[in-house]
C-alpha cells in the first residue's frame, strides 16, 4: 500500500455540542479522558497499513 493516502474530513459542525465546540473543532474533543475523537480514525488507518494520512479541515 505504498501508493495509498488516507484522507480524514474534520470539516463538520455539530450544534448539539454547544459550548464544547465554540473554541475548538469536534475532532479534538476528549473521549474517555484519555483519547481525542480524531484518534480513532487515525488509529484505524494506521492499523490498516495506511501510513500517509491527510486531514481536511
PDB file of N, CA and C in Angstrom:
ATOM      1  N   UNK A   1       0.819  -1.196   0.000  1.00  0.00           N
ATOM      2  CA  UNK A   1       0.000   0.000   0.000  1.00  0.00           C
ATOM      3  C   UNK A   1       0.862   1.258   0.000  1.00  0.00           C
ATOM      4  N   UNK A   2       1.943   1.249  -0.709  1.00  0.00           N
ATOM      5  CA  UNK A   2       2.832   2.402  -0.709  1.00  0.00           C
ATOM      6  C   UNK A   2       2.254   3.601  -1.444  1.00  0.00           C
ATOM      7  N   UNK A   3       1.371   3.369  -2.404  1.00  0.00           N
ATOM      8  CA  UNK A   3       0.832   4.480  -3.185  1.00  0.00           C
ATOM      9  C   UNK A   3      -0.548   4.912  -2.691  1.00  0.00           C
ATOM     10  N   UNK A   4      -0.846   4.650  -1.445  1.00  0.00           N
ATOM     11  CA  UNK A   4      -2.157   4.953  -0.898  1.00  0.00           C
ATOM     12  C   UNK A   4      -2.043   6.060   0.141  1.00  0.00           C
ATOM     13  N   UNK A   5      -2.989   6.999   0.084  1.00  0.00           N
ATOM     14  CA  UNK A   5      -3.039   8.067   1.080  1.00  0.00           C
ATOM     15  C   UNK A   5      -4.451   8.138   1.634  1.00  0.00           C
ATOM     16  N   UNK A   6      -4.572   8.167   2.938  1.00  0.00           N
ATOM     17  CA  UNK A   6      -5.876   8.276   3.578  1.00  0.00           C
ATOM     18  C   UNK A   6      -6.227   9.727   3.842  1.00  0.00           C
ATOM     19  N   UNK A   7      -7.493  10.064   3.695  1.00  0.00           N
ATOM     20  CA  UNK A   7      -7.977  11.419   3.983  1.00  0.00           C
ATOM     21  C   UNK A   7      -9.077  11.351   5.034  1.00  0.00           C
ATOM     22  N   UNK A   8      -8.978  12.208   6.010  1.00  0.00           N
ATOM     23  CA  UNK A   8      -9.995  12.305   7.052  1.00  0.00           C
ATOM     24  C   UNK A   8     -10.555  13.715   7.008  1.00  0.00           C
ATOM     25  N   UNK A   9     -11.853  13.819   6.834  1.00  0.00           N
ATOM     26  CA  UNK A   9     -12.504  15.124   6.806  1.00  0.00           C
ATOM     27  C   UNK A   9     -12.957  15.488   8.217  1.00  0.00           C
ATOM     28  N   UNK A  10     -12.463  16.596   8.715  1.00  0.00           N
ATOM     29  CA  UNK A  10     -12.886  17.087  10.025  1.00  0.00           C
ATOM     30  C   UNK A  10     -13.688  18.374   9.870  1.00  0.00           C
ATOM     31  N   UNK A  11     -14.171  18.605   8.675  1.00  0.00           N
ATOM     32  CA  UNK A  11     -14.887  19.836   8.360  1.00  0.00           C
ATOM     33  C   UNK A  11     -16.384  19.645   8.566  1.00  0.00           C
ATOM     34  N   UNK A  12     -16.782  19.565   9.810  1.00  0.00           N
ATOM     35  CA  UNK A  12     -18.196  19.467  10.119  1.00  0.00           C
ATOM     36  C   UNK A  12     -18.470  20.238  11.397  1.00  0.00           C
ATOM     37  N   UNK A  13     -19.668  20.685  11.523  1.00  0.00           N
ATOM     38  CA  UNK A  13     -20.066  21.467  12.682  1.00  0.00           C
ATOM     39  C   UNK A  13     -21.342  20.858  13.241  1.00  0.00           C
ATOM     40  N   UNK A  14     -21.277  20.447  14.468  1.00  0.00           N
ATOM     41  CA  UNK A  14     -22.442  19.853  15.114  1.00  0.00           C
ATOM     42  C   UNK A  14     -22.879  20.795  16.230  1.00  0.00           C
ATOM     43  N   UNK A  15     -24.046  21.366  16.081  1.00  0.00           N
ATOM     44  CA  UNK A  15     -24.540  22.330  17.058  1.00  0.00           C
ATOM     45  C   UNK A  15     -24.936  21.678  18.379  1.00  0.00           C
ATOM     46  N   UNK A  16     -25.095  20.363  18.388  1.00  0.00           N
ATOM     47  CA  UNK A  16     -25.515  19.671  19.606  1.00  0.00           C
ATOM     48  C   UNK A  16     -24.465  19.750  20.715  1.00  0.00           C
ATOM     49  N   UNK A  17     -23.210  19.999  20.365  1.00  0.00           N
ATOM     50  CA  UNK A  17     -22.158  20.064  21.371  1.00  0.00           C
ATOM     51  C   UNK A  17     -22.103  21.418  22.064  1.00  0.00           C
ATOM     52  N   UNK A  18     -22.776  22.404  21.523  1.00  0.00           N
ATOM     53  CA  UNK A  18     -22.887  23.712  22.152  1.00  0.00           C
ATOM     54  C   UNK A  18     -21.561  24.349  22.513  1.00  0.00           C
ATOM     55  N   UNK A  19     -21.377  24.637  23.801  1.00  0.00           N
ATOM     56  CA  UNK A  19     -20.185  25.347  24.259  1.00  0.00           C
ATOM     57  C   UNK A  19     -18.910  24.522  24.118  1.00  0.00           C
ATOM     58  N   UNK A  20     -19.018  23.222  23.983  1.00  0.00           N
ATOM     59  CA  UNK A  20     -17.821  22.385  23.854  1.00  0.00           C
ATOM     60  C   UNK A  20     -17.055  22.672  22.566  1.00  0.00           C
ATOM     61  N   UNK A  21     -17.769  23.095  21.534  1.00  0.00           N
ATOM     62  CA  UNK A  21     -17.121  23.311  20.238  1.00  0.00           C
ATOM     63  C   UNK A  21     -17.053  24.782  19.841  1.00  0.00           C
ATOM     64  N   UNK A  22     -17.259  25.674  20.784  1.00  0.00           N
ATOM     65  CA  UNK A  22     -17.132  27.100  20.465  1.00  0.00           C
ATOM     66  C   UNK A  22     -15.685  27.487  20.186  1.00  0.00           C
ATOM     67  N   UNK A  23     -14.749  26.912  20.902  1.00  0.00           N
ATOM     68  CA  UNK A  23     -13.342  27.289  20.800  1.00  0.00           C
ATOM     69  C   UNK A  23     -12.464  26.249  20.119  1.00  0.00           C
ATOM     70  N   UNK A  24     -12.997  25.064  19.821  1.00  0.00           N
ATOM     71  CA  UNK A  24     -12.185  24.020  19.201  1.00  0.00           C
ATOM     72  C   UNK A  24     -13.036  23.108  18.335  1.00  0.00           C
ATOM     73  N   UNK A  25     -12.408  22.429  17.389  1.00  0.00           N
ATOM     74  CA  UNK A  25     -13.157  21.549  16.489  1.00  0.00           C
ATOM     75  C   UNK A  25     -13.637  20.280  17.193  1.00  0.00           C
ATOM     76  N   UNK A  26     -14.651  19.662  16.624  1.00  0.00           N
ATOM     77  CA  UNK A  26     -15.225  18.443  17.188  1.00  0.00           C
ATOM     78  C   UNK A  26     -14.172  17.343  17.278  1.00  0.00           C
ATOM     79  N   UNK A  27     -13.294  17.256  16.309  1.00  0.00           N
ATOM     80  CA  UNK A  27     -12.286  16.185  16.279  1.00  0.00           C
ATOM     81  C   UNK A  27     -11.348  16.228  17.478  1.00  0.00           C
ATOM     82  N   UNK A  28     -11.188  17.377  18.104  1.00  0.00           N
ATOM     83  CA  UNK A  28     -10.273  17.478  19.237  1.00  0.00           C
ATOM     84  C   UNK A  28     -10.963  17.299  20.588  1.00  0.00           C
ATOM     85  N   UNK A  29     -12.243  16.958  20.584  1.00  0.00           N
ATOM     86  CA  UNK A  29     -12.949  16.742  21.846  1.00  0.00           C
ATOM     87  C   UNK A  29     -12.435  15.481  22.531  1.00  0.00           C
ATOM     88  N   UNK A  30     -12.307  15.521  23.854  1.00  0.00           N
ATOM     89  CA  UNK A  30     -11.826  14.339  24.570  1.00  0.00           C
ATOM     90  C   UNK A  30     -12.878  13.233  24.611  1.00  0.00           C
ATOM     91  N   UNK A  31     -12.381  11.996  24.660  1.00  0.00           N
ATOM     92  CA  UNK A  31     -13.249  10.829  24.764  1.00  0.00           C
ATOM     93  C   UNK A  31     -12.639   9.888  25.789  1.00  0.00           C
ATOM     94  N   UNK A  32     -13.366   9.589  26.823  1.00  0.00           N
ATOM     95  CA  UNK A  32     -12.881   8.659  27.833  1.00  0.00           C
ATOM     96  C   UNK A  32     -11.740   9.192  28.679  1.00  0.00           C
ATOM     97  N   UNK A  33     -11.500  10.497  28.654  1.00  0.00           N
ATOM     98  CA  UNK A  33     -10.464  11.087  29.473  1.00  0.00           C
ATOM     99  C   UNK A  33      -9.042  10.831  29.001  1.00  0.00           C
ATOM    100  N   UNK A  34      -8.877  10.022  27.961  1.00  0.00           N
ATOM    101  CA  UNK A  34      -7.529   9.673  27.521  1.00  0.00           C
ATOM    102  C   UNK A  34      -7.309   9.931  26.035  1.00  0.00           C
ATOM    103  N   UNK A  35      -8.358   9.898  25.260  1.00  0.00           N
ATOM    104  CA  UNK A  35      -8.251   9.992  23.807  1.00  0.00           C
ATOM    105  C   UNK A  35      -8.963  11.231  23.295  1.00  0.00           C
ATOM    106  N   UNK A  36      -8.691  11.577  22.050  1.00  0.00           N
ATOM    107  CA  UNK A  36      -9.441  12.600  21.319  1.00  0.00           C
ATOM    108  C   UNK A  36     -10.232  11.880  20.240  1.00  0.00           C
ATOM    109  N   UNK A  37     -11.311  12.468  19.770  1.00  0.00           N
ATOM    110  CA  UNK A  37     -12.135  11.808  18.755  1.00  0.00           C
ATOM    111  C   UNK A  37     -11.358  11.516  17.479  1.00  0.00           C
ATOM    112  N   UNK A  38     -10.380  12.336  17.138  1.00  0.00           N
ATOM    113  CA  UNK A  38      -9.586  12.127  15.925  1.00  0.00           C
ATOM    114  C   UNK A  38      -8.686  10.899  16.048  1.00  0.00           C
ATOM    115  N   UNK A  39      -8.397  10.463  17.267  1.00  0.00           N
ATOM    116  CA  UNK A  39      -7.517   9.312  17.465  1.00  0.00           C
ATOM    117  C   UNK A  39      -8.080   8.033  16.850  1.00  0.00           C
ATOM    118  N   UNK A  40      -9.387   7.873  16.808  1.00  0.00           N
ATOM    119  CA  UNK A  40      -9.983   6.629  16.326  1.00  0.00           C
ATOM    120  C   UNK A  40      -9.830   6.439  14.818  1.00  0.00           C
ATOM    121  N   UNK A  41     -10.180   7.420  13.985  1.00  0.00           N
ATOM    122  CA  UNK A  41      -9.927   7.209  12.554  1.00  0.00           C
ATOM    123  C   UNK A  41      -8.440   7.139  12.221  1.00  0.00           C
ATOM    124  N   UNK A  42      -7.601   7.874  12.942  1.00  0.00           N
ATOM    125  CA  UNK A  42      -6.156   7.789  12.708  1.00  0.00           C
ATOM    126  C   UNK A  42      -5.635   6.396  13.041  1.00  0.00           C
ATOM    127  N   UNK A  43      -6.063   5.857  14.155  1.00  0.00           N
ATOM    128  CA  UNK A  43      -5.646   4.518  14.563  1.00  0.00           C
ATOM    129  C   UNK A  43      -6.129   3.465  13.576  1.00  0.00           C
ATOM    130  N   UNK A  44      -7.353   3.597  13.097  1.00  0.00           N
ATOM    131  CA  UNK A  44      -7.887   2.647  12.118  1.00  0.00           C
ATOM    132  C   UNK A  44      -7.072   2.652  10.837  1.00  0.00           C
ATOM    133  N   UNK A  45      -6.675   3.816  10.385  1.00  0.00           N
ATOM    134  CA  UNK A  45      -5.891   3.885   9.150  1.00  0.00           C
ATOM    135  C   UNK A  45      -4.504   3.281   9.330  1.00  0.00           C
ATOM    136  N   UNK A  46      -3.852   3.598  10.428  1.00  0.00           N
ATOM    137  CA  UNK A  46      -2.519   3.049  10.671  1.00  0.00           C
ATOM    138  C   UNK A  46      -2.590   1.533  10.818  1.00  0.00           C
ATOM    139  N   UNK A  47      -3.595   1.034  11.526  1.00  0.00           N
ATOM    140  CA  UNK A  47      -3.748  -0.412  11.694  1.00  0.00           C
ATOM    141  C   UNK A  47      -4.109  -1.108  10.387  1.00  0.00           C
ATOM    142  N   UNK A  48      -4.635  -0.372   9.421  1.00  0.00           N
ATOM    143  CA  UNK A  48      -4.957  -0.936   8.106  1.00  0.00           C
ATOM    144  C   UNK A  48      -3.782  -0.853   7.143  1.00  0.00           C
ATOM    145  N   UNK A  49      -2.680  -0.304   7.589  1.00  0.00           N
ATOM    146  CA  UNK A  49      -1.489  -0.225   6.754  1.00  0.00           C
ATOM    147  C   UNK A  49      -1.342   1.069   5.983  1.00  0.00           C
ATOM    148  N   UNK A  50      -2.166   2.049   6.283  1.00  0.00           N
ATOM    149  CA  UNK A  50      -2.085   3.348   5.610  1.00  0.00           C
ATOM    150  C   UNK A  50      -1.219   4.256   6.480  1.00  0.00           C
ATOM    151  N   UNK A  51      -0.018   4.539   6.021  1.00  0.00           N
ATOM    152  CA  UNK A  51       0.902   5.324   6.842  1.00  0.00           C
ATOM    153  C   UNK A  51       0.894   6.813   6.499  1.00  0.00           C
ATOM    154  N   UNK A  52       0.347   7.176   5.348  1.00  0.00           N
ATOM    155  CA  UNK A  52       0.252   8.580   4.958  1.00  0.00           C
ATOM    156  C   UNK A  52      -1.203   9.014   5.082  1.00  0.00           C
ATOM    157  N   UNK A  53      -1.456   9.938   5.995  1.00  0.00           N
ATOM    158  CA  UNK A  53      -2.828  10.367   6.276  1.00  0.00           C
ATOM    159  C   UNK A  53      -2.883  11.883   6.198  1.00  0.00           C
ATOM    160  N   UNK A  54      -3.915  12.403   5.539  1.00  0.00           N
ATOM    161  CA  UNK A  54      -4.137  13.836   5.465  1.00  0.00           C
ATOM    162  C   UNK A  54      -5.427  14.207   6.159  1.00  0.00           C
ATOM    163  N   UNK A  55      -5.444  15.372   6.776  1.00  0.00           N
ATOM    164  CA  UNK A  55      -6.645  15.885   7.432  1.00  0.00           C
ATOM    165  C   UNK A  55      -7.180  17.061   6.642  1.00  0.00           C
ATOM    166  N   UNK A  56      -8.467  17.040   6.363  1.00  0.00           N
ATOM    167  CA  UNK A  56      -9.135  18.142   5.671  1.00  0.00           C
ATOM    168  C   UNK A  56      -9.952  18.885   6.713  1.00  0.00           C
ATOM    169  N   UNK A  57      -9.615  20.160   6.916  1.00  0.00           N
ATOM    170  CA  UNK A  57     -10.340  20.936   7.922  1.00  0.00           C
ATOM    171  C   UNK A  57     -11.145  22.028   7.286  1.00  0.00           C
TER     172      UNK A  57
END
